[in-house]
């Protein structure tokens, strides 16, 4: 891990703690010495602050070295398709910096659709294109970007991973 990556992880940890509790303290999260463990603990604290019983905290440390599918909204993303692809690429890059072999179908397919003049919002087509990646991935990270709960694509991906008995973890938006 580079010093720059470690610094980014520490910043994310601090921001997550401030967002979850208002202050950073040893009492409001598990004490960890490893920066990756600290970052995972920050996700746990942020998710717990949401008080959403059906959401489980992301355990990033357990995803290092694994093929992970990154689920994000696209078609109805409040900031538009270009922003959806950019934001998906940004969070995927952060996961990759942590050693997670992350794949974002949105970051990949948005540019492919543009260059190849494919229909960007043909759900049936994109589900067929994404199906092999869903089968190959060991886990799914759902990024809780605006609209993730309403996204038919994200909900389909969650259902596919759960049906296959693969882990689905939820990542608070802005923590990547």
C-alpha atoms as a PDB file:
ATOM      1  CA  UNK A   1       0.000   0.000   0.000  1.00  0.00           C
ATOM      2  CA  UNK A   2       1.427   3.393  -0.948  1.00  0.00           C
ATOM      3  CA  UNK A   3       1.653   6.287   1.494  1.00  0.00           C
ATOM      4  CA  UNK A   4      -0.797   8.205  -0.700  1.00  0.00           C
ATOM      5  CA  UNK A   5      -3.330   5.367  -0.502  1.00  0.00           C
ATOM      6  CA  UNK A   6      -2.850   5.063   3.257  1.00  0.00           C
ATOM      7  CA  UNK A   7      -3.422   8.812   3.610  1.00  0.00           C
ATOM      8  CA  UNK A   8      -6.610   8.593   1.527  1.00  0.00           C
ATOM      9  CA  UNK A   9      -7.825   5.688   3.666  1.00  0.00           C
ATOM     10  CA  UNK A  10      -7.131   7.654   6.844  1.00  0.00           C
ATOM     11  CA  UNK A  11      -8.980  10.690   5.424  1.00  0.00           C
ATOM     12  CA  UNK A  12     -11.928   8.478   4.523  1.00  0.00           C
ATOM     13  CA  UNK A  13     -11.876   6.994   8.005  1.00  0.00           C
ATOM     14  CA  UNK A  14     -11.891  10.436   9.635  1.00  0.00           C
ATOM     15  CA  UNK A  15     -14.660  11.717   7.356  1.00  0.00           C
ATOM     16  CA  UNK A  16     -16.755   8.614   7.942  1.00  0.00           C
ATOM     17  CA  UNK A  17     -16.447   8.954  11.695  1.00  0.00           C
ATOM     18  CA  UNK A  18     -17.324  12.637  11.632  1.00  0.00           C
ATOM     19  CA  UNK A  19     -20.309  11.907   9.394  1.00  0.00           C
ATOM     20  CA  UNK A  20     -21.502   9.068  11.583  1.00  0.00           C
ATOM     21  CA  UNK A  21     -21.021  10.612  15.015  1.00  0.00           C
ATOM     22  CA  UNK A  22     -19.935  14.215  14.638  1.00  0.00           C
ATOM     23  CA  UNK A  23     -16.560  13.507  16.277  1.00  0.00           C
ATOM     24  CA  UNK A  24     -13.804  10.963  15.937  1.00  0.00           C
ATOM     25  CA  UNK A  25     -13.226   8.969  19.100  1.00  0.00           C
ATOM     26  CA  UNK A  26     -11.863   5.578  20.048  1.00  0.00           C
ATOM     27  CA  UNK A  27     -15.190   4.798  21.738  1.00  0.00           C
ATOM     28  CA  UNK A  28     -17.410   5.175  18.667  1.00  0.00           C
ATOM     29  CA  UNK A  29     -15.653   2.571  16.561  1.00  0.00           C
ATOM     30  CA  UNK A  30     -13.603  -0.558  16.983  1.00  0.00           C
ATOM     31  CA  UNK A  31      -9.948   0.230  17.638  1.00  0.00           C
ATOM     32  CA  UNK A  32      -7.800  -0.978  14.738  1.00  0.00           C
ATOM     33  CA  UNK A  33      -4.134  -0.504  13.921  1.00  0.00           C
ATOM     34  CA  UNK A  34      -4.316  -1.454  10.233  1.00  0.00           C
ATOM     35  CA  UNK A  35      -5.553   1.398   7.943  1.00  0.00           C
ATOM     36  CA  UNK A  36      -7.716  -1.021   5.938  1.00  0.00           C
ATOM     37  CA  UNK A  37      -9.314  -2.282   9.147  1.00  0.00           C
ATOM     38  CA  UNK A  38      -9.859   1.335  10.222  1.00  0.00           C
ATOM     39  CA  UNK A  39     -11.595   2.064   6.932  1.00  0.00           C
ATOM     40  CA  UNK A  40     -13.811  -1.010   7.310  1.00  0.00           C
ATOM     41  CA  UNK A  41     -14.606   0.050  10.891  1.00  0.00           C
ATOM     42  CA  UNK A  42     -15.571   3.478   9.589  1.00  0.00           C
ATOM     43  CA  UNK A  43     -18.073   1.863   7.229  1.00  0.00           C
ATOM     44  CA  UNK A  44     -19.474  -0.124  10.134  1.00  0.00           C
ATOM     45  CA  UNK A  45     -19.917   3.048  12.206  1.00  0.00           C
ATOM     46  CA  UNK A  46     -21.486   4.978   9.327  1.00  0.00           C
ATOM     47  CA  UNK A  47     -23.919   2.165   8.560  1.00  0.00           C
ATOM     48  CA  UNK A  48     -24.853   1.782  12.232  1.00  0.00           C
ATOM     49  CA  UNK A  49     -25.638   5.498  12.370  1.00  0.00           C
ATOM     50  CA  UNK A  50     -28.148   5.009   9.538  1.00  0.00           C
ATOM     51  CA  UNK A  51     -30.151   2.745  11.890  1.00  0.00           C
ATOM     52  CA  UNK A  52     -31.348   0.670   8.933  1.00  0.00           C
ATOM     53  CA  UNK A  53     -31.801  -2.852  10.270  1.00  0.00           C
ATOM     54  CA  UNK A  54     -31.777  -4.604   6.885  1.00  0.00           C
ATOM     55  CA  UNK A  55     -28.438  -3.100   5.811  1.00  0.00           C
ATOM     56  CA  UNK A  56     -25.246  -4.892   6.823  1.00  0.00           C
ATOM     57  CA  UNK A  57     -21.966  -2.969   7.103  1.00  0.00           C
ATOM     58  CA  UNK A  58     -19.380  -3.398   4.375  1.00  0.00           C
ATOM     59  CA  UNK A  59     -16.389  -5.403   5.484  1.00  0.00           C
ATOM     60  CA  UNK A  60     -13.780  -4.215   3.036  1.00  0.00           C
ATOM     61  CA  UNK A  61     -10.889  -6.140   4.534  1.00  0.00           C
ATOM     62  CA  UNK A  62     -12.623  -9.408   3.619  1.00  0.00           C
ATOM     63  CA  UNK A  63     -12.894  -8.332  -0.022  1.00  0.00           C
ATOM     64  CA  UNK A  64      -9.188  -7.740  -0.665  1.00  0.00           C
ATOM     65  CA  UNK A  65      -8.028  -9.893  -3.574  1.00  0.00           C
ATOM     66  CA  UNK A  66     -11.564 -10.939  -4.504  1.00  0.00           C
ATOM     67  CA  UNK A  67     -13.467 -10.271  -7.725  1.00  0.00           C
ATOM     68  CA  UNK A  68     -16.160  -7.802  -6.685  1.00  0.00           C
ATOM     69  CA  UNK A  69     -19.078  -6.460  -8.725  1.00  0.00           C
ATOM     70  CA  UNK A  70     -19.862  -2.800  -7.986  1.00  0.00           C
ATOM     71  CA  UNK A  71     -23.602  -2.061  -8.220  1.00  0.00           C
ATOM     72  CA  UNK A  72     -24.610   1.576  -8.747  1.00  0.00           C
ATOM     73  CA  UNK A  73     -27.684   3.309 -10.209  1.00  0.00           C
ATOM     74  CA  UNK A  74     -27.605   4.571 -13.790  1.00  0.00           C
ATOM     75  CA  UNK A  75     -30.820   5.049 -15.779  1.00  0.00           C
ATOM     76  CA  UNK A  76     -32.538   7.401 -13.342  1.00  0.00           C
ATOM     77  CA  UNK A  77     -29.471   8.700 -11.501  1.00  0.00           C
ATOM     78  CA  UNK A  78     -30.380  12.175 -10.272  1.00  0.00           C
ATOM     79  CA  UNK A  79     -27.238  13.773 -11.706  1.00  0.00           C
ATOM     80  CA  UNK A  80     -27.502  12.145 -15.160  1.00  0.00           C
ATOM     81  CA  UNK A  81     -25.796   9.321 -17.022  1.00  0.00           C
ATOM     82  CA  UNK A  82     -22.383  10.953 -17.362  1.00  0.00           C
ATOM     83  CA  UNK A  83     -22.258  11.649 -13.624  1.00  0.00           C
ATOM     84  CA  UNK A  84     -23.434   8.101 -12.872  1.00  0.00           C
ATOM     85  CA  UNK A  85     -20.538   6.674 -14.897  1.00  0.00           C
ATOM     86  CA  UNK A  86     -18.019   9.101 -13.406  1.00  0.00           C
ATOM     87  CA  UNK A  87     -19.157   8.436  -9.833  1.00  0.00           C
ATOM     88  CA  UNK A  88     -19.146   4.664 -10.420  1.00  0.00           C
ATOM     89  CA  UNK A  89     -15.605   4.872 -11.826  1.00  0.00           C
ATOM     90  CA  UNK A  90     -14.449   6.992  -8.884  1.00  0.00           C
ATOM     91  CA  UNK A  91     -15.699   4.588  -6.212  1.00  0.00           C
ATOM     92  CA  UNK A  92     -14.423   1.578  -8.185  1.00  0.00           C
ATOM     93  CA  UNK A  93     -10.966   3.166  -8.359  1.00  0.00           C
ATOM     94  CA  UNK A  94     -10.974   3.675  -4.586  1.00  0.00           C
ATOM     95  CA  UNK A  95     -11.866   0.011  -4.046  1.00  0.00           C
ATOM     96  CA  UNK A  96      -9.084  -1.031  -6.433  1.00  0.00           C
ATOM     97  CA  UNK A  97      -6.583   1.092  -4.492  1.00  0.00           C
ATOM     98  CA  UNK A  98      -7.497  -0.976  -1.437  1.00  0.00           C
ATOM     99  CA  UNK A  99      -6.602  -4.189  -3.276  1.00  0.00           C
ATOM    100  CA  UNK A 100     -10.147  -5.191  -4.211  1.00  0.00           C
ATOM    101  CA  UNK A 101     -10.510  -6.492  -7.793  1.00  0.00           C
ATOM    102  CA  UNK A 102     -13.559  -4.309  -8.418  1.00  0.00           C
ATOM    103  CA  UNK A 103     -15.569  -4.266 -11.658  1.00  0.00           C
ATOM    104  CA  UNK A 104     -18.220  -1.631 -12.355  1.00  0.00           C
ATOM    105  CA  UNK A 105     -20.550  -2.434 -15.244  1.00  0.00           C
ATOM    106  CA  UNK A 106     -21.618   1.224 -15.305  1.00  0.00           C
ATOM    107  CA  UNK A 107     -18.089   2.624 -15.567  1.00  0.00           C
ATOM    108  CA  UNK A 108     -17.315   0.054 -18.275  1.00  0.00           C
ATOM    109  CA  UNK A 109     -20.509   0.099 -20.316  1.00  0.00           C
ATOM    110  CA  UNK A 110     -21.223   3.843 -20.357  1.00  0.00           C
ATOM    111  CA  UNK A 111     -18.242   4.612 -22.588  1.00  0.00           C
ATOM    112  CA  UNK A 112     -18.702   1.431 -24.630  1.00  0.00           C
ATOM    113  CA  UNK A 113     -22.340   2.385 -25.276  1.00  0.00           C
ATOM    114  CA  UNK A 114     -21.374   5.922 -26.250  1.00  0.00           C
ATOM    115  CA  UNK A 115     -18.598   4.913 -28.655  1.00  0.00           C
ATOM    116  CA  UNK A 116     -20.489   1.922 -30.052  1.00  0.00           C
ATOM    117  CA  UNK A 117     -23.788   3.816 -30.287  1.00  0.00           C
ATOM    118  CA  UNK A 118     -25.582   1.232 -28.150  1.00  0.00           C
ATOM    119  CA  UNK A 119     -28.817   1.962 -26.323  1.00  0.00           C
ATOM    120  CA  UNK A 120     -27.586   3.011 -22.863  1.00  0.00           C
ATOM    121  CA  UNK A 121     -30.895   2.303 -21.137  1.00  0.00           C
ATOM    122  CA  UNK A 122     -31.987  -1.015 -22.671  1.00  0.00           C
ATOM    123  CA  UNK A 123     -32.305  -2.925 -19.390  1.00  0.00           C
ATOM    124  CA  UNK A 124     -32.749  -6.365 -20.997  1.00  0.00           C
ATOM    125  CA  UNK A 125     -29.642  -5.943 -23.151  1.00  0.00           C
ATOM    126  CA  UNK A 126     -27.465  -4.758 -20.249  1.00  0.00           C
ATOM    127  CA  UNK A 127     -28.711  -7.489 -17.908  1.00  0.00           C
ATOM    128  CA  UNK A 128     -27.607 -10.057 -20.514  1.00  0.00           C
ATOM    129  CA  UNK A 129     -24.210  -8.336 -20.863  1.00  0.00           C
ATOM    130  CA  UNK A 130     -23.750  -8.109 -17.077  1.00  0.00           C
ATOM    131  CA  UNK A 131     -24.909 -11.671 -16.263  1.00  0.00           C
ATOM    132  CA  UNK A 132     -21.479 -13.297 -16.854  1.00  0.00           C
ATOM    133  CA  UNK A 133     -19.831 -10.724 -14.560  1.00  0.00           C
ATOM    134  CA  UNK A 134     -22.426 -11.419 -11.865  1.00  0.00           C
ATOM    135  CA  UNK A 135     -21.652 -15.153 -12.154  1.00  0.00           C
ATOM    136  CA  UNK A 136     -17.879 -14.575 -12.018  1.00  0.00           C
ATOM    137  CA  UNK A 137     -17.851 -12.116  -9.115  1.00  0.00           C
ATOM    138  CA  UNK A 138     -17.376 -13.422  -5.591  1.00  0.00           C
ATOM    139  CA  UNK A 139     -19.306 -10.579  -3.942  1.00  0.00           C
ATOM    140  CA  UNK A 140     -21.316  -7.462  -4.702  1.00  0.00           C
ATOM    141  CA  UNK A 141     -20.715  -4.003  -3.255  1.00  0.00           C
ATOM    142  CA  UNK A 142     -23.840  -1.858  -3.489  1.00  0.00           C
ATOM    143  CA  UNK A 143     -22.910   1.809  -3.383  1.00  0.00           C
ATOM    144  CA  UNK A 144     -25.683   3.759  -1.708  1.00  0.00           C
ATOM    145  CA  UNK A 145     -25.653   6.598  -4.240  1.00  0.00           C
ATOM    146  CA  UNK A 146     -28.839   8.643  -4.668  1.00  0.00           C
ATOM    147  CA  UNK A 147     -31.463   6.392  -6.259  1.00  0.00           C
ATOM    148  CA  UNK A 148     -29.887   3.029  -5.399  1.00  0.00           C
ATOM    149  CA  UNK A 149     -33.038   1.829  -3.648  1.00  0.00           C
ATOM    150  CA  UNK A 150     -35.252   2.755  -6.613  1.00  0.00           C
ATOM    151  CA  UNK A 151     -32.882   1.375  -9.244  1.00  0.00           C
ATOM    152  CA  UNK A 152     -34.383  -1.700 -10.898  1.00  0.00           C
ATOM    153  CA  UNK A 153     -30.887  -2.696 -12.047  1.00  0.00           C
ATOM    154  CA  UNK A 154     -29.333  -2.483  -8.584  1.00  0.00           C
ATOM    155  CA  UNK A 155     -32.265  -4.385  -7.056  1.00  0.00           C
ATOM    156  CA  UNK A 156     -31.921  -7.074  -9.757  1.00  0.00           C
ATOM    157  CA  UNK A 157     -28.191  -7.390  -9.038  1.00  0.00           C
ATOM    158  CA  UNK A 158     -28.796  -7.680  -5.282  1.00  0.00           C
ATOM    159  CA  UNK A 159     -31.364 -10.426  -5.928  1.00  0.00           C
ATOM    160  CA  UNK A 160     -28.989 -12.310  -8.259  1.00  0.00           C
ATOM    161  CA  UNK A 161     -26.128 -12.281  -5.761  1.00  0.00           C
ATOM    162  CA  UNK A 162     -28.360 -13.304  -2.878  1.00  0.00           C
ATOM    163  CA  UNK A 163     -29.932 -16.112  -4.934  1.00  0.00           C
ATOM    164  CA  UNK A 164     -26.417 -17.400  -5.659  1.00  0.00           C
ATOM    165  CA  UNK A 165     -25.535 -17.247  -1.954  1.00  0.00           C
ATOM    166  CA  UNK A 166     -22.848 -14.627  -2.570  1.00  0.00           C
ATOM    167  CA  UNK A 167     -22.178 -11.763  -0.141  1.00  0.00           C
ATOM    168  CA  UNK A 168     -23.829  -8.409  -0.759  1.00  0.00           C
ATOM    169  CA  UNK A 169     -22.315  -5.531   1.184  1.00  0.00           C
ATOM    170  CA  UNK A 170     -23.504  -1.941   1.284  1.00  0.00           C
ATOM    171  CA  UNK A 171     -21.165   1.015   1.063  1.00  0.00           C
ATOM    172  CA  UNK A 172     -22.226   4.481   2.168  1.00  0.00           C
ATOM    173  CA  UNK A 173     -21.925   6.979  -0.689  1.00  0.00           C
ATOM    174  CA  UNK A 174     -19.059   9.426  -0.390  1.00  0.00           C
ATOM    175  CA  UNK A 175     -16.840   7.020   1.520  1.00  0.00           C
ATOM    176  CA  UNK A 176     -14.989   5.576  -1.457  1.00  0.00           C
END
